[in-house]
Amino acid sequence: MARVVRFGVSMEEELIRRFDGLARERGYATRSEALRDLVRRDLVREEWADPGAEVAATVSLVYEHHEHHLADALTDLQHHHHGEVVSATHVHLDAHNCLEVVILRGPSAVIRRLADALLSTRGVKHGGVVATTTGKNVT
């Protein structure tokens, strides 16, 4: 584990009160842990701002499984980007709807374009991206 450095932070009373409330709601044991996560979140955002930085993401897609062209189109996209697709999981939500979760890793610009292509595929009812880090540059 990395060496921990203590430092002081000054802020308005109302701001720290709201921060403490938010930290409690999210289950943080200490202000320090909550603050560390805020810093990490910004560091990950910076990684994503660099088009060449290696990042990771999950893309969740909900679609009707009876639209066979759609499943084929999503599979073709994933095969075309086999270097960035780490894994894909397909779940039948009910008799008509499927949830597909695709895990991606690669340069942020490529991952962003691939995620956009998956989400904008005709027939996708809903989707979302969770942009995260590989963890290499975040302690």
C-alpha atoms as a PDB file:
ATOM      1  CA  MET A   1       0.000   0.000   0.000  1.00  0.00           C
ATOM      2  CA  ALA A   2       1.167   3.510  -0.796  1.00  0.00           C
ATOM      3  CA  ARG A   3       2.364   5.832   1.939  1.00  0.00           C
ATOM      4  CA  VAL A   4      -0.454   8.033   3.266  1.00  0.00           C
ATOM      5  CA  VAL A   5       0.100  11.791   3.638  1.00  0.00           C
ATOM      6  CA  ARG A   6      -2.060  13.879   5.960  1.00  0.00           C
ATOM      7  CA  PHE A   7      -3.055  17.404   4.929  1.00  0.00           C
ATOM      8  CA  GLY A   8      -5.619  19.977   5.986  1.00  0.00           C
ATOM      9  CA  VAL A   9      -8.570  21.189   3.956  1.00  0.00           C
ATOM     10  CA  SER A  10     -10.526  24.351   4.685  1.00  0.00           C
ATOM     11  CA  MET A  11     -14.062  24.846   3.445  1.00  0.00           C
ATOM     12  CA  GLU A  12     -17.289  26.593   4.325  1.00  0.00           C
ATOM     13  CA  GLU A  13     -19.280  25.088   7.195  1.00  0.00           C
ATOM     14  CA  GLU A  14     -22.376  24.462   5.038  1.00  0.00           C
ATOM     15  CA  LEU A  15     -20.300  22.722   2.381  1.00  0.00           C
ATOM     16  CA  ILE A  16     -18.637  20.370   4.877  1.00  0.00           C
ATOM     17  CA  ARG A  17     -22.014  19.663   6.499  1.00  0.00           C
ATOM     18  CA  ARG A  18     -23.455  18.638   3.130  1.00  0.00           C
ATOM     19  CA  PHE A  19     -20.323  16.653   2.284  1.00  0.00           C
ATOM     20  CA  ASP A  20     -20.514  14.773   5.593  1.00  0.00           C
ATOM     21  CA  GLY A  21     -24.179  13.977   4.960  1.00  0.00           C
ATOM     22  CA  LEU A  22     -23.419  12.673   1.493  1.00  0.00           C
ATOM     23  CA  ALA A  23     -20.500  10.610   2.783  1.00  0.00           C
ATOM     24  CA  ARG A  24     -22.735   9.083   5.473  1.00  0.00           C
ATOM     25  CA  GLU A  25     -25.490   8.282   2.937  1.00  0.00           C
ATOM     26  CA  ARG A  26     -22.971   6.504   0.732  1.00  0.00           C
ATOM     27  CA  GLY A  27     -21.555   4.518   3.624  1.00  0.00           C
ATOM     28  CA  TYR A  28     -18.099   6.052   3.974  1.00  0.00           C
ATOM     29  CA  ALA A  29     -16.507   5.440   7.366  1.00  0.00           C
ATOM     30  CA  THR A  30     -14.460   8.648   7.216  1.00  0.00           C
ATOM     31  CA  ARG A  31     -14.199  11.951   5.372  1.00  0.00           C
ATOM     32  CA  SER A  32     -10.803  10.811   4.127  1.00  0.00           C
ATOM     33  CA  GLU A  33     -12.282   7.839   2.258  1.00  0.00           C
ATOM     34  CA  ALA A  34     -14.981  10.008   0.706  1.00  0.00           C
ATOM     35  CA  LEU A  35     -12.415  12.611  -0.347  1.00  0.00           C
ATOM     36  CA  ARG A  36     -10.106   9.938  -1.811  1.00  0.00           C
ATOM     37  CA  ASP A  37     -12.977   8.674  -3.979  1.00  0.00           C
ATOM     38  CA  LEU A  38     -13.693  12.205  -5.222  1.00  0.00           C
ATOM     39  CA  VAL A  39     -10.048  12.597  -6.230  1.00  0.00           C
ATOM     40  CA  ARG A  40     -10.022   9.169  -7.905  1.00  0.00           C
ATOM     41  CA  ARG A  41     -13.187  10.047  -9.830  1.00  0.00           C
ATOM     42  CA  ASP A  42     -11.470  13.124 -11.266  1.00  0.00           C
ATOM     43  CA  LEU A  43      -8.320  11.146 -12.095  1.00  0.00           C
ATOM     44  CA  VAL A  44     -10.426   8.631 -14.028  1.00  0.00           C
ATOM     45  CA  ARG A  45     -12.143  11.503 -15.860  1.00  0.00           C
ATOM     46  CA  GLU A  46      -8.685  12.780 -16.826  1.00  0.00           C
ATOM     47  CA  GLU A  47      -7.732   9.336 -18.143  1.00  0.00           C
ATOM     48  CA  TRP A  48     -10.818   9.349 -20.349  1.00  0.00           C
ATOM     49  CA  ALA A  49      -9.922  12.839 -21.651  1.00  0.00           C
ATOM     50  CA  ASP A  50      -6.684  11.425 -23.115  1.00  0.00           C
ATOM     51  CA  PRO A  51      -7.681   9.682 -26.390  1.00  0.00           C
ATOM     52  CA  GLY A  52      -4.789   7.231 -26.132  1.00  0.00           C
ATOM     53  CA  ALA A  53      -5.127   6.306 -22.457  1.00  0.00           C
ATOM     54  CA  GLU A  54      -6.041   2.685 -21.783  1.00  0.00           C
ATOM     55  CA  VAL A  55      -9.405   2.626 -20.015  1.00  0.00           C
ATOM     56  CA  ALA A  56     -12.168   0.162 -19.228  1.00  0.00           C
ATOM     57  CA  ALA A  57     -15.941   0.388 -19.527  1.00  0.00           C
ATOM     58  CA  THR A  58     -19.125  -1.597 -19.336  1.00  0.00           C
ATOM     59  CA  VAL A  59     -21.903  -1.089 -21.855  1.00  0.00           C
ATOM     60  CA  SER A  60     -25.377  -2.311 -20.901  1.00  0.00           C
ATOM     61  CA  LEU A  61     -27.956  -2.814 -23.643  1.00  0.00           C
ATOM     62  CA  VAL A  62     -31.625  -3.791 -23.401  1.00  0.00           C
ATOM     63  CA  TYR A  63     -33.331  -4.968 -26.569  1.00  0.00           C
ATOM     64  CA  GLU A  64     -36.071  -7.250 -27.840  1.00  0.00           C
ATOM     65  CA  HIS A  65     -34.610 -10.613 -28.729  1.00  0.00           C
ATOM     66  CA  HIS A  66     -37.101 -11.232 -31.562  1.00  0.00           C
ATOM     67  CA  GLU A  67     -35.242  -8.648 -33.647  1.00  0.00           C
ATOM     68  CA  HIS A  68     -32.684 -11.122 -34.982  1.00  0.00           C
ATOM     69  CA  HIS A  69     -30.927  -8.534 -37.147  1.00  0.00           C
ATOM     70  CA  LEU A  70     -30.174  -6.595 -33.989  1.00  0.00           C
ATOM     71  CA  ALA A  71     -28.455  -9.470 -32.194  1.00  0.00           C
ATOM     72  CA  ASP A  72     -26.429 -10.124 -35.355  1.00  0.00           C
ATOM     73  CA  ALA A  73     -25.471  -6.445 -35.660  1.00  0.00           C
ATOM     74  CA  LEU A  74     -24.337  -6.308 -32.023  1.00  0.00           C
ATOM     75  CA  THR A  75     -22.349  -9.526 -32.422  1.00  0.00           C
ATOM     76  CA  ASP A  76     -20.737  -8.252 -35.635  1.00  0.00           C
ATOM     77  CA  LEU A  77     -19.675  -5.028 -33.897  1.00  0.00           C
ATOM     78  CA  GLN A  78     -18.141  -7.008 -31.056  1.00  0.00           C
ATOM     79  CA  HIS A  79     -16.292  -9.348 -33.423  1.00  0.00           C
ATOM     80  CA  HIS A  80     -15.000  -6.388 -35.415  1.00  0.00           C
ATOM     81  CA  HIS A  81     -13.565  -5.008 -32.151  1.00  0.00           C
ATOM     82  CA  HIS A  82     -12.416  -8.300 -30.641  1.00  0.00           C
ATOM     83  CA  GLY A  83      -9.261  -6.588 -29.335  1.00  0.00           C
ATOM     84  CA  GLU A  84     -11.320  -4.232 -27.171  1.00  0.00           C
ATOM     85  CA  VAL A  85     -14.146  -6.596 -26.140  1.00  0.00           C
ATOM     86  CA  VAL A  86     -13.034  -8.420 -23.007  1.00  0.00           C
ATOM     87  CA  SER A  87     -16.305 -10.219 -22.360  1.00  0.00           C
ATOM     88  CA  ALA A  88     -20.020 -10.120 -23.090  1.00  0.00           C
ATOM     89  CA  THR A  89     -22.884 -11.532 -21.069  1.00  0.00           C
ATOM     90  CA  HIS A  90     -26.367 -12.080 -22.449  1.00  0.00           C
ATOM     91  CA  VAL A  91     -29.352 -12.485 -20.112  1.00  0.00           C
ATOM     92  CA  HIS A  92     -33.007 -13.154 -20.935  1.00  0.00           C
ATOM     93  CA  LEU A  93     -34.989 -10.688 -18.813  1.00  0.00           C
ATOM     94  CA  ASP A  94     -38.370 -12.062 -19.860  1.00  0.00           C
ATOM     95  CA  ALA A  95     -40.004 -13.700 -22.881  1.00  0.00           C
ATOM     96  CA  HIS A  96     -39.203 -10.690 -25.072  1.00  0.00           C
ATOM     97  CA  ASN A  97     -36.355  -8.638 -23.641  1.00  0.00           C
ATOM     98  CA  CYS A  98     -32.642  -9.286 -23.315  1.00  0.00           C
ATOM     99  CA  LEU A  99     -29.911  -7.539 -21.383  1.00  0.00           C
ATOM    100  CA  GLU A 100     -26.429  -7.641 -22.810  1.00  0.00           C
ATOM    101  CA  VAL A 101     -23.449  -6.347 -20.847  1.00  0.00           C
ATOM    102  CA  VAL A 102     -20.235  -5.834 -22.797  1.00  0.00           C
ATOM    103  CA  ILE A 103     -16.935  -5.230 -20.996  1.00  0.00           C
ATOM    104  CA  LEU A 104     -14.455  -3.143 -22.981  1.00  0.00           C
ATOM    105  CA  ARG A 105     -10.799  -2.211 -22.564  1.00  0.00           C
ATOM    106  CA  GLY A 106      -8.560  -0.114 -24.799  1.00  0.00           C
ATOM    107  CA  PRO A 107      -7.719   3.461 -25.829  1.00  0.00           C
ATOM    108  CA  SER A 108     -10.407   5.843 -24.587  1.00  0.00           C
ATOM    109  CA  ALA A 109     -11.180   7.243 -28.048  1.00  0.00           C
ATOM    110  CA  VAL A 110     -11.723   3.741 -29.454  1.00  0.00           C
ATOM    111  CA  ILE A 111     -13.782   2.622 -26.456  1.00  0.00           C
ATOM    112  CA  ARG A 112     -15.954   5.735 -26.637  1.00  0.00           C
ATOM    113  CA  ARG A 113     -16.659   5.174 -30.364  1.00  0.00           C
ATOM    114  CA  LEU A 114     -17.398   1.484 -29.838  1.00  0.00           C
ATOM    115  CA  ALA A 115     -19.731   2.201 -26.904  1.00  0.00           C
ATOM    116  CA  ASP A 116     -21.549   4.831 -28.984  1.00  0.00           C
ATOM    117  CA  ALA A 117     -21.880   2.382 -31.883  1.00  0.00           C
ATOM    118  CA  LEU A 118     -23.338  -0.312 -29.620  1.00  0.00           C
ATOM    119  CA  LEU A 119     -25.785   2.093 -27.965  1.00  0.00           C
ATOM    120  CA  SER A 120     -26.938   3.636 -31.238  1.00  0.00           C
ATOM    121  CA  THR A 121     -27.593   0.310 -32.964  1.00  0.00           C
ATOM    122  CA  ARG A 122     -31.143   0.391 -34.287  1.00  0.00           C
ATOM    123  CA  GLY A 123     -33.471  -1.567 -32.019  1.00  0.00           C
ATOM    124  CA  VAL A 124     -31.644  -1.017 -28.734  1.00  0.00           C
ATOM    125  CA  LYS A 125     -34.384   0.061 -26.306  1.00  0.00           C
ATOM    126  CA  HIS A 126     -32.090   1.421 -23.626  1.00  0.00           C
ATOM    127  CA  GLY A 127     -28.432   1.427 -22.808  1.00  0.00           C
ATOM    128  CA  GLY A 128     -25.765   2.980 -20.692  1.00  0.00           C
ATOM    129  CA  VAL A 129     -22.023   3.207 -20.275  1.00  0.00           C
ATOM    130  CA  VAL A 130     -20.017   3.070 -17.077  1.00  0.00           C
ATOM    131  CA  ALA A 131     -16.623   4.597 -17.844  1.00  0.00           C
ATOM    132  CA  THR A 132     -13.941   3.424 -15.460  1.00  0.00           C
ATOM    133  CA  THR A 133     -10.223   2.805 -15.166  1.00  0.00           C
ATOM    134  CA  THR A 134      -7.950  -0.172 -15.575  1.00  0.00           C
ATOM    135  CA  GLY A 135      -6.621   0.787 -12.146  1.00  0.00           C
ATOM    136  CA  LYS A 136      -3.028   1.169 -13.323  1.00  0.00           C
ATOM    137  CA  ASN A 137      -2.893   4.921 -12.700  1.00  0.00           C
ATOM    138  CA  VAL A 138      -5.127   5.128  -9.635  1.00  0.00           C
ATOM    139  CA  THR A 139      -4.059   4.059  -6.150  1.00  0.00           C
END
